Amino acid sequence: MEFVIKISQFLLSLSLLIVLHELGHFIPAKLFKTKVEKFYLFFDVKYSLFKKKIGETVYGIGWLPLGGYVKIAGMIDESMDKEQMAQPPQPWEFRSKPAWQRLIIMLGGVTVNFILAYVIFVFVSFIYGDTDIKIASLKGGYLIENPVLQDAGFQTGDKVLAINDQKIEKDSEIGQYIIGAEQMTIERDGQEKVISLPENFLGQLSDEGSRNLFRYRYPFIVESVPDSSANKSADLKQGDMILGLNGKKLEYFDQFEGELESLKGQTVTAEVLRDDDVLTKSLKVNNEGKLNIFRLIDAKRFTELGYYEVTRRDYSFGESFVEGGNKFASTITNYFSQLKAIFNPKTEAYKGLGGFKAIYDIFPDFWSWEAFWKLTAFLSIMLAVLNLLPIPALDGGHVMFLLYEMISGRKPSEKFLERAQIVGFFILIALVLFANGNDIFKAITR
């Protein structure tokens, strides 16, 4: 069921972005009276799942979910229709239109993606507002289990104060600024400390594979005791909080893990808080150092107990346009930081480059419209930025040649454009193979 939910979100988001991107090319092409021969969601290599001709355009759905396309008459694109290009130019063809019209047609897709992302951010801000956690309020700081963070010098209990020169106050800001971080200022035992990060920090995180970086520290609250547990008869109820073992106070669940390791196979005395009463229970530790008790994750109760403070901000409709713009700008800035890191071999960030599996993985295994729309906005920006890269076969490649034509007054020959298209196509294939190969390699090695 979790797979169905994730794949449904993945396909819905991808389909929405592809259709709207291609619509961004389709609409100005039709406005400039340019013939559009095909409008396809996914690629129809030798076969279409669905197709219907309306007017001069065939609308369809292909079987290969690697993107989509519009086939514009008289345009050198991935179809490489040399037969059509060998004919004399027709007034309804792309190549016959003025350069400024062709430029608008080529920029239409990324323009729609940018507008879509901004609109989504506006409505997400208005409908859902912002919920975050103040770092200063974190009781006990962060739980640090990731070996890369530990090797860099982080310890459980640290609170993040700044990344580079950017002051960090909210938990969500860590993920926002950690890309490209060279140093982090933390608070440990009331003292500030600066931790310098290795240049290949992102590459190390990718090699490690764990997504657990800075995690909250929770108390040990009982969810349930399975029938297979030796503690089934201990009379523990949902909501009971285990305060300690053998007279030793243990405030956080991560402290129990270390303590239980030294108590394998023993019976221990546990202090348990139930409502306002402190009870004493005898619990058995199995040979693996576990109590075999499921713990409860209850954000509301953790907040009530003072383990962290949740902040909530709602926006009026007018304020949402400003906040949406702020989210839009910061997402673009952060994505360019990611690209900069990926193209710098020293950071080894290219190891984290992923394909369709990586995109699929970012969607939650439960249905959340808030998460869906936020991820769709991010992917829309990602699609727009990647399409603007000056690689022939991408929109950015076409734009690059059109700008050259407009500045120099000379149009590149069709033969040159055909060869450039082939080179760009092989570059794209190499990037797709590398990204998806990374996914496969990670799946095998982990």
Protein backbone atom coordinates (compact mmCIF):
# COMPACT_ATOMS: atom_id res chain seq x y z
CA MET A 1 0.00 0.00 0.00
CA GLU A 2 2.87 2.38 0.81
CA PHE A 3 4.32 1.72 -2.66
CA VAL A 4 0.97 2.55 -4.28
CA ILE A 5 0.76 5.85 -2.38
CA LYS A 6 4.33 6.86 -3.24
CA ILE A 7 4.11 5.89 -6.91
CA SER A 8 0.74 7.64 -7.24
CA GLN A 9 2.19 10.90 -5.90
CA PHE A 10 5.29 10.49 -8.07
CA LEU A 11 3.36 9.90 -11.31
CA LEU A 12 0.74 12.58 -10.60
CA SER A 13 3.39 15.21 -9.87
CA LEU A 14 5.54 14.23 -12.85
CA SER A 15 2.59 14.13 -15.24
CA LEU A 16 1.32 17.52 -14.07
CA LEU A 17 4.75 19.12 -14.54
CA ILE A 18 5.35 17.58 -17.96
CA VAL A 19 1.93 18.53 -19.36
CA LEU A 20 2.17 22.13 -18.12
CA HIS A 21 5.77 22.47 -19.34
CA GLU A 22 4.84 21.31 -22.83
CA LEU A 23 1.74 23.50 -22.72
CA GLY A 24 4.13 26.40 -22.19
CA HIS A 25 5.63 25.64 -25.63
CA PHE A 26 2.29 24.76 -27.23
CA ILE A 27 0.38 27.97 -26.41
CA PRO A 28 2.87 30.54 -27.83
CA ALA A 29 3.44 28.28 -30.85
CA LYS A 30 -0.28 28.36 -31.61
CA LEU A 31 -0.46 32.12 -30.91
CA PHE A 32 2.27 32.68 -33.50
CA LYS A 33 0.40 30.39 -35.96
CA THR A 34 3.06 27.68 -35.84
CA LYS A 35 1.92 24.16 -36.60
CA VAL A 36 2.19 21.72 -33.68
CA GLU A 37 2.11 18.15 -34.97
CA LYS A 38 2.21 16.25 -31.66
CA PHE A 39 1.54 16.90 -27.95
CA TYR A 40 2.61 13.92 -25.85
CA LEU A 41 2.81 12.99 -22.20
CA PHE A 42 5.68 10.47 -21.98
CA PHE A 43 7.50 9.19 -25.06
CA ASP A 44 5.77 7.12 -27.73
CA VAL A 45 8.73 5.09 -29.01
CA LYS A 46 7.09 2.84 -31.62
CA TYR A 47 3.89 2.71 -29.59
CA SER A 48 1.27 4.94 -27.92
CA LEU A 49 -0.98 4.01 -25.02
CA PHE A 50 -3.46 6.58 -26.30
CA LYS A 51 -3.62 9.04 -29.18
CA LYS A 52 -6.25 11.21 -30.83
CA LYS A 53 -5.92 13.79 -33.56
CA ILE A 54 -7.75 17.04 -32.97
CA GLY A 55 -7.31 19.58 -35.72
CA GLU A 56 -3.70 19.47 -36.92
CA THR A 57 -2.30 18.09 -33.65
CA VAL A 58 -2.09 14.49 -32.40
CA TYR A 59 -2.54 14.34 -28.62
CA GLY A 60 -1.32 11.21 -26.90
CA ILE A 61 0.24 9.32 -24.01
CA GLY A 62 3.39 7.30 -24.62
CA TRP A 63 4.54 4.21 -22.77
CA LEU A 64 8.02 5.45 -21.76
CA PRO A 65 7.68 7.76 -18.69
CA LEU A 66 10.92 9.72 -19.21
CA GLY A 67 9.29 13.04 -19.99
CA GLY A 68 7.09 14.44 -22.73
CA TYR A 69 7.28 16.61 -25.82
CA VAL A 70 5.55 18.76 -28.39
CA LYS A 71 6.63 18.25 -32.00
CA ILE A 72 6.66 21.64 -33.68
CA ALA A 73 6.80 21.64 -37.47
CA GLY A 74 10.04 22.94 -38.96
CA MET A 75 12.05 22.63 -35.75
CA ILE A 76 15.22 20.59 -35.32
CA ASP A 77 14.50 18.60 -32.19
CA GLU A 78 14.81 15.09 -30.78
CA SER A 79 12.63 13.69 -33.59
CA MET A 80 15.42 14.53 -36.11
CA ASP A 81 12.86 14.73 -38.92
CA LYS A 82 15.37 15.31 -41.73
CA GLU A 83 12.80 14.62 -44.43
CA GLN A 84 10.67 17.57 -43.38
CA MET A 85 13.70 19.82 -42.92
CA ALA A 86 14.84 19.01 -46.49
CA GLN A 87 11.66 20.62 -47.87
CA PRO A 88 11.41 24.36 -48.57
CA PRO A 89 10.41 26.33 -45.43
CA GLN A 90 6.68 26.91 -45.02
CA PRO A 91 5.18 30.01 -43.37
CA TRP A 92 3.56 27.88 -40.62
CA GLU A 93 6.88 26.26 -39.64
CA PHE A 94 9.02 27.14 -36.63
CA ARG A 95 12.08 27.92 -38.78
CA SER A 96 10.13 30.54 -40.73
CA LYS A 97 9.18 32.60 -37.69
CA PRO A 98 11.14 35.64 -36.48
CA ALA A 99 13.86 34.89 -33.92
CA TRP A 100 12.01 36.70 -31.12
CA GLN A 101 8.92 34.52 -31.65
CA ARG A 102 11.02 31.35 -31.66
CA LEU A 103 12.70 32.52 -28.44
CA ILE A 104 9.34 33.02 -26.72
CA ILE A 105 8.20 29.56 -27.86
CA MET A 106 11.37 27.94 -26.47
CA LEU A 107 11.19 29.83 -23.16
CA GLY A 108 7.49 29.04 -22.70
CA GLY A 109 8.03 25.71 -20.92
CA VAL A 110 10.41 26.94 -18.23
CA THR A 111 8.33 30.11 -17.78
CA VAL A 112 5.27 28.00 -16.97
CA ASN A 113 7.34 25.89 -14.54
CA PHE A 114 8.56 28.98 -12.69
CA ILE A 115 5.06 30.50 -12.57
CA LEU A 116 3.59 27.19 -11.38
CA ALA A 117 6.13 26.93 -8.54
CA TYR A 118 5.41 30.47 -7.39
CA VAL A 119 1.63 29.96 -7.49
CA ILE A 120 1.95 26.72 -5.51
CA PHE A 121 4.10 28.43 -2.86
CA VAL A 122 1.53 31.23 -2.56
CA PHE A 123 -1.40 28.88 -2.01
CA VAL A 124 0.55 26.51 0.25
CA SER A 125 1.46 29.51 2.44
CA PHE A 126 -2.15 30.69 2.52
CA ILE A 127 -3.77 27.28 3.14
CA TYR A 128 -1.22 25.58 5.41
CA GLY A 129 0.86 28.42 6.83
CA ASP A 130 4.24 27.55 8.33
CA THR A 131 4.91 25.14 11.17
CA ASP A 132 8.42 24.83 12.54
CA ILE A 133 10.46 24.11 15.66
CA LYS A 134 12.65 26.63 17.43
CA ILE A 135 16.14 25.22 17.79
CA ALA A 136 16.66 27.12 21.03
CA SER A 137 13.69 25.24 22.51
CA LEU A 138 15.09 21.75 21.80
CA LYS A 139 15.47 20.03 25.15
CA GLY A 140 18.69 18.09 25.06
CA GLY A 141 19.72 19.36 21.61
CA TYR A 142 19.93 17.04 18.61
CA LEU A 143 20.49 13.30 18.44
CA ILE A 144 23.61 12.68 16.33
CA GLU A 145 23.84 9.13 15.01
CA ASN A 146 25.12 9.71 11.48
CA PRO A 147 28.80 8.58 11.33
CA VAL A 148 29.70 11.43 8.94
CA LEU A 149 28.46 14.02 11.42
CA GLN A 150 30.19 12.23 14.28
CA ASP A 151 33.48 12.15 12.37
CA ALA A 152 33.12 15.88 11.65
CA GLY A 153 32.92 16.52 15.40
CA PHE A 154 29.20 16.71 16.18
CA GLN A 155 27.87 15.10 19.38
CA THR A 156 24.44 14.25 20.68
CA GLY A 157 23.14 17.25 22.61
CA ASP A 158 24.51 19.86 20.18
CA LYS A 159 22.28 22.72 19.03
CA VAL A 160 22.94 24.38 15.65
CA LEU A 161 23.35 28.16 15.90
CA ALA A 162 24.70 29.12 12.46
CA ILE A 163 25.76 27.69 9.12
CA ASN A 164 28.61 29.68 7.61
CA ASP A 165 27.52 33.25 8.45
CA GLN A 166 23.79 32.48 8.36
CA LYS A 167 22.11 32.49 11.77
CA ILE A 168 19.86 29.46 12.23
CA GLU A 169 16.80 29.77 14.44
CA LYS A 170 14.35 27.21 13.01
CA ASP A 171 14.88 23.52 12.41
CA SER A 172 13.87 23.66 8.73
CA GLU A 173 16.66 26.15 8.02
CA ILE A 174 19.35 23.49 8.56
CA GLY A 175 18.32 21.55 5.45
CA GLN A 176 17.99 24.83 3.57
CA TYR A 177 21.56 26.04 4.21
CA ILE A 178 23.60 22.88 4.73
CA ILE A 179 24.27 22.59 0.98
CA GLY A 180 27.57 24.39 0.48
CA ALA A 181 28.24 24.69 4.21
CA GLU A 182 31.90 25.11 5.12
CA GLN A 183 31.47 25.50 8.85
CA MET A 184 28.73 25.28 11.47
CA THR A 185 28.48 27.02 14.82
CA ILE A 186 26.95 24.87 17.54
CA GLU A 187 26.14 25.19 21.22
CA ARG A 188 27.45 22.41 23.46
CA ASP A 189 27.03 22.48 27.23
CA GLY A 190 26.32 26.21 27.11
CA GLN A 191 29.44 26.99 25.09
CA GLU A 192 29.70 27.96 21.41
CA LYS A 193 31.93 25.87 19.18
CA VAL A 194 32.77 26.13 15.46
CA ILE A 195 32.97 22.87 13.49
CA SER A 196 34.73 23.00 10.11
CA LEU A 197 33.26 20.63 7.55
CA PRO A 198 35.44 18.70 5.08
CA GLU A 199 35.27 19.84 1.45
CA ASN A 200 33.77 16.50 0.43
CA PHE A 201 31.16 16.59 3.21
CA LEU A 202 28.26 16.13 0.75
CA GLY A 203 30.04 13.22 -0.91
CA GLN A 204 30.55 11.55 2.46
CA LEU A 205 26.86 11.97 3.29
CA SER A 206 25.98 10.40 -0.05
CA ASP A 207 28.31 7.45 0.58
CA GLU A 208 26.80 6.91 4.01
CA GLY A 209 23.30 6.87 2.53
CA SER A 210 21.46 7.63 5.77
CA ARG A 211 19.00 10.52 5.66
CA ASN A 212 19.20 10.90 9.42
CA LEU A 213 21.22 14.01 10.13
CA PHE A 214 20.01 16.20 12.99
CA ARG A 215 17.21 14.32 14.75
CA TYR A 216 15.04 15.29 17.71
CA ARG A 217 15.51 13.56 21.06
CA TYR A 218 12.36 11.96 22.44
CA PRO A 219 11.38 10.42 25.78
CA PHE A 220 10.50 6.71 25.96
CA ILE A 221 6.70 6.65 25.83
CA VAL A 222 4.96 3.30 25.45
CA GLU A 223 2.86 2.73 22.33
CA SER A 224 2.17 -0.97 22.87
CA VAL A 225 3.74 -4.22 23.99
CA PRO A 226 3.58 -7.02 21.40
CA ASP A 227 2.31 -10.46 22.41
CA SER A 228 5.75 -11.91 21.66
CA SER A 229 7.42 -9.66 24.24
CA ALA A 230 8.57 -11.04 27.60
CA ASN A 231 7.16 -7.80 29.06
CA LYS A 232 3.61 -8.47 27.89
CA SER A 233 2.52 -9.16 31.48
CA ALA A 234 4.24 -6.06 32.92
CA ASP A 235 0.97 -4.09 32.86
CA LEU A 236 2.26 -1.27 30.69
CA LYS A 237 -0.32 0.98 29.04
CA GLN A 238 -0.21 3.27 26.04
CA GLY A 239 1.09 6.66 27.15
CA ASP A 240 3.22 5.36 30.04
CA MET A 241 6.57 7.14 30.14
CA ILE A 242 9.59 5.14 31.29
CA LEU A 243 11.73 7.52 33.34
CA GLY A 244 14.73 5.30 34.14
CA LEU A 245 16.16 1.88 34.93
CA ASN A 246 17.58 0.55 38.20
CA GLY A 247 17.37 3.98 39.79
CA LYS A 248 19.23 5.70 36.95
CA LYS A 249 17.31 8.58 35.35
CA LEU A 250 17.11 8.32 31.57
CA GLU A 251 15.44 11.33 29.97
CA TYR A 252 15.73 10.40 26.29
CA PHE A 253 15.10 7.22 24.33
CA ASP A 254 18.63 7.24 22.88
CA GLN A 255 19.99 6.94 26.45
CA PHE A 256 18.02 3.72 26.93
CA GLU A 257 19.71 2.08 23.96
CA GLY A 258 23.17 2.45 25.48
CA GLU A 259 22.04 1.47 28.97
CA LEU A 260 20.19 -1.67 27.83
CA GLU A 261 23.27 -2.90 25.99
CA SER A 262 24.94 -3.48 29.37
CA LEU A 263 21.85 -5.18 30.83
CA LYS A 264 21.34 -8.01 28.33
CA GLY A 265 19.41 -10.95 29.75
CA GLN A 266 18.70 -9.22 33.07
CA THR A 267 15.52 -8.19 34.87
CA VAL A 268 15.54 -4.48 35.69
CA THR A 269 13.45 -2.12 37.80
CA ALA A 270 11.85 0.66 35.79
CA GLU A 271 10.26 3.88 36.98
CA VAL A 272 7.12 4.56 34.95
CA LEU A 273 5.10 7.79 34.88
CA ARG A 274 1.37 7.17 34.37
CA ASP A 275 -0.72 10.32 34.47
CA ASP A 276 0.60 11.97 37.67
CA ASP A 277 1.75 8.78 39.41
CA VAL A 278 5.21 7.21 39.36
CA LEU A 279 5.01 3.41 39.31
CA THR A 280 7.67 0.73 39.66
CA LYS A 281 7.72 -2.11 37.12
CA SER A 282 9.96 -5.14 36.66
CA LEU A 283 11.00 -5.45 33.03
CA LYS A 284 13.04 -8.10 31.23
CA VAL A 285 15.88 -7.19 28.87
CA ASN A 286 16.33 -9.79 26.12
CA ASN A 287 19.68 -11.13 24.94
CA GLU A 288 19.83 -8.47 22.24
CA GLY A 289 19.60 -5.63 24.75
CA LYS A 290 15.97 -4.79 23.91
CA LEU A 291 12.80 -4.42 25.97
CA ASN A 292 10.69 -5.32 22.92
CA ILE A 293 8.29 -2.44 23.60
CA PHE A 294 6.99 -0.22 20.82
CA ARG A 295 7.46 3.47 21.57
CA LEU A 296 4.97 6.23 20.87
CA ILE A 297 5.79 9.22 18.66
CA ASP A 298 3.37 11.94 19.75
CA ALA A 299 4.44 15.43 18.71
CA LYS A 300 1.64 17.07 20.69
CA ARG A 301 2.66 15.34 23.90
CA PHE A 302 6.35 16.05 23.34
CA THR A 303 5.44 19.72 23.01
CA GLU A 304 3.34 19.62 26.18
CA LEU A 305 6.25 18.00 28.04
CA GLY A 306 8.59 20.77 26.91
CA TYR A 307 10.87 18.73 24.64
CA TYR A 308 10.55 21.39 21.95
CA GLU A 309 8.43 24.40 21.04
CA VAL A 310 6.39 24.34 17.84
CA THR A 311 5.82 27.69 16.16
CA ARG A 312 2.91 28.31 13.85
CA ARG A 313 2.39 31.24 11.50
CA ASP A 314 -0.64 31.80 9.29
CA TYR A 315 -0.68 34.20 6.34
CA SER A 316 -3.46 36.36 4.96
CA PHE A 317 -4.11 36.05 1.23
CA GLY A 318 -2.11 39.21 0.57
CA GLU A 319 0.77 38.12 2.79
CA SER A 320 0.87 34.78 1.00
CA PHE A 321 2.04 36.47 -2.22
CA VAL A 322 5.06 37.88 -0.39
CA GLU A 323 5.79 34.68 1.51
CA GLY A 324 5.31 32.63 -1.66
CA GLY A 325 7.87 34.86 -3.35
CA ASN A 326 10.31 34.37 -0.48
CA LYS A 327 9.95 30.58 -0.68
CA PHE A 328 10.27 30.70 -4.48
CA ALA A 329 13.47 32.77 -4.34
CA SER A 330 15.10 30.69 -1.58
CA THR A 331 14.29 27.43 -3.39
CA ILE A 332 15.92 28.68 -6.60
CA THR A 333 18.96 29.94 -4.68
CA ASN A 334 19.35 26.63 -2.86
CA TYR A 335 18.97 24.61 -6.05
CA PHE A 336 21.68 26.64 -7.78
CA SER A 337 23.88 25.96 -4.74
CA GLN A 338 23.24 22.25 -5.23
CA LEU A 339 24.15 22.46 -8.93
CA LYS A 340 27.30 24.41 -8.09
CA ALA A 341 28.30 21.69 -5.61
CA ILE A 342 27.51 18.91 -8.10
CA PHE A 343 29.72 20.47 -10.80
CA ASN A 344 32.61 20.91 -8.33
CA PRO A 345 34.43 17.53 -8.24
CA LYS A 346 36.10 18.39 -4.91
CA THR A 347 32.78 18.32 -3.06
CA GLU A 348 31.98 14.84 -4.43
CA ALA A 349 28.34 15.98 -4.40
CA TYR A 350 27.89 14.25 -7.77
CA LYS A 351 27.68 11.00 -5.79
CA GLY A 352 24.30 12.14 -4.54
CA LEU A 353 22.97 12.79 -8.03
CA GLY A 354 19.93 10.59 -8.55
CA GLY A 355 17.39 9.74 -11.20
CA PHE A 356 13.77 8.68 -11.10
CA LYS A 357 14.26 6.46 -8.05
CA ALA A 358 15.70 9.41 -6.11
CA ILE A 359 12.70 11.57 -7.08
CA TYR A 360 10.32 8.76 -6.12
CA ASP A 361 12.02 8.45 -2.71
CA ILE A 362 11.41 12.07 -1.70
CA PHE A 363 7.65 11.51 -1.63
CA PRO A 364 6.23 10.33 1.73
CA ASP A 365 4.68 6.88 2.12
CA PHE A 366 1.44 8.49 3.32
CA TRP A 367 -0.81 10.85 1.41
CA SER A 368 -0.24 14.49 2.30
CA TRP A 369 -1.45 17.22 -0.01
CA GLU A 370 0.78 19.74 1.74
CA ALA A 371 3.88 17.60 1.13
CA PHE A 372 2.75 16.77 -2.41
CA TRP A 373 2.37 20.41 -3.44
CA LYS A 374 5.61 21.51 -1.78
CA LEU A 375 7.54 18.75 -3.55
CA THR A 376 5.80 19.52 -6.85
CA ALA A 377 6.83 23.18 -6.54
CA PHE A 378 10.43 22.13 -5.90
CA LEU A 379 10.41 19.69 -8.84
CA SER A 380 8.90 22.39 -11.07
CA ILE A 381 11.84 24.68 -10.28
CA MET A 382 14.26 21.79 -10.77
CA LEU A 383 12.74 21.00 -14.18
CA ALA A 384 12.91 24.65 -15.23
CA VAL A 385 16.53 25.16 -14.15
CA LEU A 386 17.74 21.90 -15.74
CA ASN A 387 15.96 22.77 -18.99
CA LEU A 388 17.77 26.11 -19.06
CA LEU A 389 21.21 24.45 -19.08
CA PRO A 390 22.93 25.39 -22.38
CA ILE A 391 22.97 21.82 -23.68
CA PRO A 392 21.71 21.20 -27.23
CA ALA A 393 18.48 19.15 -27.13
CA LEU A 394 17.38 21.05 -24.00
CA ASP A 395 15.40 24.29 -24.14
CA GLY A 396 18.52 26.09 -22.95
CA GLY A 397 20.47 24.82 -25.96
CA HIS A 398 17.86 26.17 -28.38
CA VAL A 399 17.81 29.48 -26.49
CA MET A 400 21.63 29.68 -26.68
CA PHE A 401 21.60 29.38 -30.49
CA LEU A 402 18.67 31.80 -30.81
CA LEU A 403 20.48 34.43 -28.73
CA TYR A 404 23.56 33.98 -30.92
CA GLU A 405 21.37 34.52 -33.99
CA MET A 406 19.74 37.63 -32.54
CA ILE A 407 23.06 39.16 -31.46
CA SER A 408 25.16 38.26 -34.51
CA GLY A 409 22.40 38.53 -37.09
CA ARG A 410 23.47 35.15 -38.49
CA LYS A 411 21.45 31.98 -38.17
CA PRO A 412 23.41 28.74 -37.56
CA SER A 413 23.08 26.34 -40.45
CA GLU A 414 20.54 23.53 -40.19
CA LYS A 415 23.39 21.03 -40.60
CA PHE A 416 25.19 22.52 -37.61
CA LEU A 417 21.99 22.48 -35.54
CA GLU A 418 21.38 18.83 -36.46
CA ARG A 419 24.88 17.84 -35.33
CA ALA A 420 24.58 19.91 -32.16
CA GLN A 421 21.26 18.19 -31.44
CA ILE A 422 22.89 14.77 -31.77
CA VAL A 423 25.74 15.79 -29.42
CA GLY A 424 23.28 17.20 -26.92
CA PHE A 425 21.18 14.06 -27.11
CA PHE A 426 24.17 11.88 -26.23
CA ILE A 427 25.12 14.23 -23.37
CA LEU A 428 21.59 13.90 -22.00
CA ILE A 429 21.63 10.11 -22.35
CA ALA A 430 24.96 10.02 -20.47
CA LEU A 431 23.54 12.20 -17.66
CA VAL A 432 20.37 10.08 -17.41
CA LEU A 433 22.41 6.86 -17.32
CA PHE A 434 24.77 8.31 -14.69
CA ALA A 435 21.95 9.59 -12.46
CA ASN A 436 19.88 6.41 -12.67
CA GLY A 437 23.03 4.30 -12.46
CA ASN A 438 23.75 6.06 -9.16
CA ASP A 439 20.30 4.95 -7.95
CA ILE A 440 21.00 1.35 -8.95
CA PHE A 441 24.47 1.38 -7.37
CA LYS A 442 23.09 2.73 -4.09
CA ALA A 443 20.29 0.15 -4.08
CA ILE A 444 22.79 -2.69 -4.58
CA THR A 445 25.41 -1.49 -2.08
CA ARG A 446 22.90 -0.61 0.65
